[in-house]
């Protein structure tokens, strides 16, 4: 049974005339192009530490099957704004699982997409921990409630946005939480 003990966050953008090559260039920009990515759902395992990207990249080997939660978006429409983001919510009690969320959007700046993904992850964690909150409150207000509850240790996000290439080339944005040994 494989339960990751470490994860890192990464992001990238790629532009190319071919859609697949654009995705490959986004993976290169993110530093994980040599891995065979397997998309998994949204659970951050208990006792899994978020480590710096540079440290995580050193733990990857070419051809390795690599589990990750990722968001991806692409367009060949000139100047169309695209975003991809991963949100993270880590419980204070590290023996409890946390949440990762993926979000991809059109017309949304990176900061907004990132905060939305962070909000998603934190809200999923808060509901499993029984933290009461008003879902209609603004994210900044709920974030304070979550942290004040004493159950949520940290929330964060990583995001990538880009405008579609002005000449209609494929533009891909990518963000991921990558699990490593």
Protein backbone atom coordinates (compact mmCIF):
# COMPACT_ATOMS: atom_id res chain seq x y z
CA UNK A 1 0.00 0.00 0.00
CA UNK A 2 1.45 3.32 -1.11
CA UNK A 3 0.73 6.34 1.09
CA UNK A 4 2.86 9.38 0.19
CA UNK A 5 4.74 11.17 2.95
CA UNK A 6 5.72 14.22 0.87
CA UNK A 7 4.22 16.41 -1.83
CA UNK A 8 5.30 19.54 -3.65
CA UNK A 9 3.50 22.20 -5.66
CA UNK A 10 4.46 23.20 -9.17
CA UNK A 11 3.09 25.08 -12.17
CA UNK A 12 3.86 25.81 -15.79
CA UNK A 13 2.76 27.26 -19.09
CA UNK A 14 3.45 26.08 -22.64
CA UNK A 15 2.76 27.47 -26.12
CA UNK A 16 2.97 25.48 -29.37
CA UNK A 17 1.12 24.94 -32.65
CA UNK A 18 0.10 21.45 -31.47
CA UNK A 19 -2.13 21.00 -28.42
CA UNK A 20 -0.17 18.01 -27.06
CA UNK A 21 3.18 19.74 -27.51
CA UNK A 22 1.80 22.77 -25.68
CA UNK A 23 0.94 20.50 -22.74
CA UNK A 24 4.42 18.95 -22.86
CA UNK A 25 5.99 22.42 -22.71
CA UNK A 26 3.81 23.30 -19.69
CA UNK A 27 5.05 20.11 -17.98
CA UNK A 28 8.65 21.09 -18.81
CA UNK A 29 8.06 24.53 -17.36
CA UNK A 30 6.71 22.83 -14.21
CA UNK A 31 9.77 20.52 -14.12
CA UNK A 32 7.87 17.23 -14.23
CA UNK A 33 7.93 16.32 -17.92
CA UNK A 34 10.01 13.17 -17.31
CA UNK A 35 7.33 11.57 -15.11
CA UNK A 36 4.35 9.45 -16.12
CA UNK A 37 1.60 11.36 -14.36
CA UNK A 38 -1.35 9.59 -12.78
CA UNK A 39 -4.17 11.89 -11.71
CA UNK A 40 -5.63 11.12 -8.30
CA UNK A 41 -8.46 12.74 -6.36
CA UNK A 42 -8.33 15.27 -3.58
CA UNK A 43 -7.00 13.70 -0.37
CA UNK A 44 -3.77 14.92 1.21
CA UNK A 45 -2.69 11.83 3.19
CA UNK A 46 -2.18 12.03 6.95
CA UNK A 47 1.40 13.02 7.88
CA UNK A 48 2.15 14.13 4.30
CA UNK A 49 4.43 17.19 4.33
CA UNK A 50 4.42 19.87 1.66
CA UNK A 51 8.07 20.32 0.67
CA UNK A 52 9.77 22.88 -1.60
CA UNK A 53 9.57 22.18 -5.34
CA UNK A 54 13.36 21.99 -5.69
CA UNK A 55 13.53 19.28 -3.01
CA UNK A 56 10.65 17.35 -4.60
CA UNK A 57 12.09 17.44 -8.11
CA UNK A 58 15.25 15.72 -6.83
CA UNK A 59 13.10 12.77 -5.73
CA UNK A 60 11.72 12.09 -9.23
CA UNK A 61 13.29 9.67 -11.72
CA UNK A 62 12.69 9.64 -15.50
CA UNK A 63 9.81 7.34 -16.43
CA UNK A 64 8.57 7.07 -12.86
CA UNK A 65 4.84 6.63 -12.29
CA UNK A 66 4.02 9.82 -10.40
CA UNK A 67 0.75 10.43 -8.59
CA UNK A 68 -0.55 13.98 -8.50
CA UNK A 69 -3.60 16.19 -8.26
CA UNK A 70 -3.48 18.53 -11.21
CA UNK A 71 -5.43 21.22 -13.00
CA UNK A 72 -4.96 21.96 -16.68
CA UNK A 73 -6.53 24.37 -19.11
CA UNK A 74 -5.80 25.20 -22.71
CA UNK A 75 -6.93 27.44 -25.54
CA UNK A 76 -6.01 28.37 -29.08
CA UNK A 77 -8.21 31.45 -28.94
CA UNK A 78 -6.02 34.57 -29.15
CA UNK A 79 -5.87 36.60 -25.92
CA UNK A 80 -8.32 34.35 -24.03
CA UNK A 81 -7.39 34.31 -20.34
CA UNK A 82 -7.02 30.81 -18.87
CA UNK A 83 -6.08 29.64 -15.39
CA UNK A 84 -5.26 26.42 -13.53
CA UNK A 85 -4.91 26.22 -9.76
CA UNK A 86 -4.44 23.77 -6.89
CA UNK A 87 -5.67 24.54 -3.39
CA UNK A 88 -4.27 22.95 -0.23
CA UNK A 89 -5.79 22.61 3.26
CA UNK A 90 -3.67 20.98 5.95
CA UNK A 91 -5.25 20.00 9.30
CA UNK A 92 -3.53 20.98 12.54
CA UNK A 93 -3.66 17.32 13.61
CA UNK A 94 -1.35 15.79 11.01
CA UNK A 95 -2.69 12.30 11.71
CA UNK A 96 -5.91 13.44 9.97
CA UNK A 97 -6.11 13.77 6.21
CA UNK A 98 -6.28 17.12 4.46
CA UNK A 99 -7.58 18.21 1.08
CA UNK A 100 -6.26 19.23 -2.30
CA UNK A 101 -8.54 20.81 -4.87
CA UNK A 102 -8.12 21.50 -8.54
CA UNK A 103 -9.70 24.39 -10.41
CA UNK A 104 -9.42 25.54 -14.00
CA UNK A 105 -11.20 28.51 -15.49
CA UNK A 106 -11.55 30.97 -18.33
CA UNK A 107 -11.46 34.73 -17.85
CA UNK A 108 -10.17 34.53 -14.28
CA UNK A 109 -6.86 36.03 -13.17
CA UNK A 110 -4.39 33.74 -11.39
CA UNK A 111 -4.94 35.23 -7.92
CA UNK A 112 -8.71 34.74 -8.11
CA UNK A 113 -8.38 31.18 -9.45
CA UNK A 114 -5.83 30.34 -6.75
CA UNK A 115 -7.94 31.73 -3.95
CA UNK A 116 -10.96 29.84 -5.28
CA UNK A 117 -9.00 26.55 -5.26
CA UNK A 118 -7.71 27.28 -1.74
CA UNK A 119 -11.26 28.04 -0.60
CA UNK A 120 -12.50 24.75 -2.09
CA UNK A 121 -9.85 22.72 -0.26
CA UNK A 122 -10.40 24.53 3.04
CA UNK A 123 -14.18 24.21 2.81
CA UNK A 124 -13.95 20.46 2.11
CA UNK A 125 -11.67 20.04 5.12
CA UNK A 126 -13.84 22.25 7.34
CA UNK A 127 -16.95 20.21 6.55
CA UNK A 128 -15.21 16.94 7.48
CA UNK A 129 -13.97 18.48 10.75
CA UNK A 130 -17.42 19.78 11.71
CA UNK A 131 -16.41 23.45 11.63
CA UNK A 132 -19.51 25.60 11.37
CA UNK A 133 -19.44 28.45 8.88
CA UNK A 134 -21.66 30.46 6.59
CA UNK A 135 -20.93 29.39 2.99
CA UNK A 136 -22.13 32.81 1.80
CA UNK A 137 -19.35 34.64 3.68
CA UNK A 138 -16.39 35.91 1.69
CA UNK A 139 -13.34 33.62 1.52
CA UNK A 140 -11.22 35.96 3.68
CA UNK A 141 -13.85 35.85 6.45
CA UNK A 142 -14.23 32.07 6.30
CA UNK A 143 -10.45 31.64 6.23
CA UNK A 144 -10.25 33.42 9.58
CA UNK A 145 -13.03 31.21 11.01
CA UNK A 146 -11.27 28.06 9.79
CA UNK A 147 -7.96 29.07 11.33
CA UNK A 148 -9.58 30.30 14.57
CA UNK A 149 -11.24 26.89 14.96
CA UNK A 150 -7.85 25.45 15.86
CA UNK A 151 -8.39 22.53 13.47
CA UNK A 152 -6.92 23.90 10.23
CA UNK A 153 -3.21 24.59 10.35
CA UNK A 154 -2.51 25.94 6.89
CA UNK A 155 -4.16 26.76 3.58
CA UNK A 156 -2.36 27.76 0.43
CA UNK A 157 -2.55 27.51 -3.34
CA UNK A 158 -0.50 27.53 -6.51
CA UNK A 159 -1.80 28.88 -9.77
CA UNK A 160 -0.84 29.56 -13.34
CA UNK A 161 -2.64 31.82 -15.78
CA UNK A 162 -1.87 32.99 -19.29
CA UNK A 163 -3.47 34.70 -22.22
CA UNK A 164 -3.96 32.66 -25.35
CA UNK A 165 -1.18 33.21 -27.87
CA UNK A 166 -1.96 36.22 -30.08
CA UNK A 167 -1.33 34.14 -33.23
CA UNK A 168 -3.69 31.32 -32.23
CA UNK A 169 -1.06 28.82 -31.08
CA UNK A 170 -2.17 26.43 -28.34
CA UNK A 171 -1.52 27.81 -24.86
CA UNK A 172 -1.67 25.41 -21.89
CA UNK A 173 -1.58 26.26 -18.18
CA UNK A 174 -0.87 23.61 -15.57
CA UNK A 175 -0.71 23.42 -11.77
CA UNK A 176 -0.11 20.34 -9.62
CA UNK A 177 0.45 18.87 -6.20
CA UNK A 178 2.93 16.06 -6.86
CA UNK A 179 3.33 13.14 -4.45
CA UNK A 180 6.84 11.81 -3.86
CA UNK A 181 8.51 9.16 -1.68
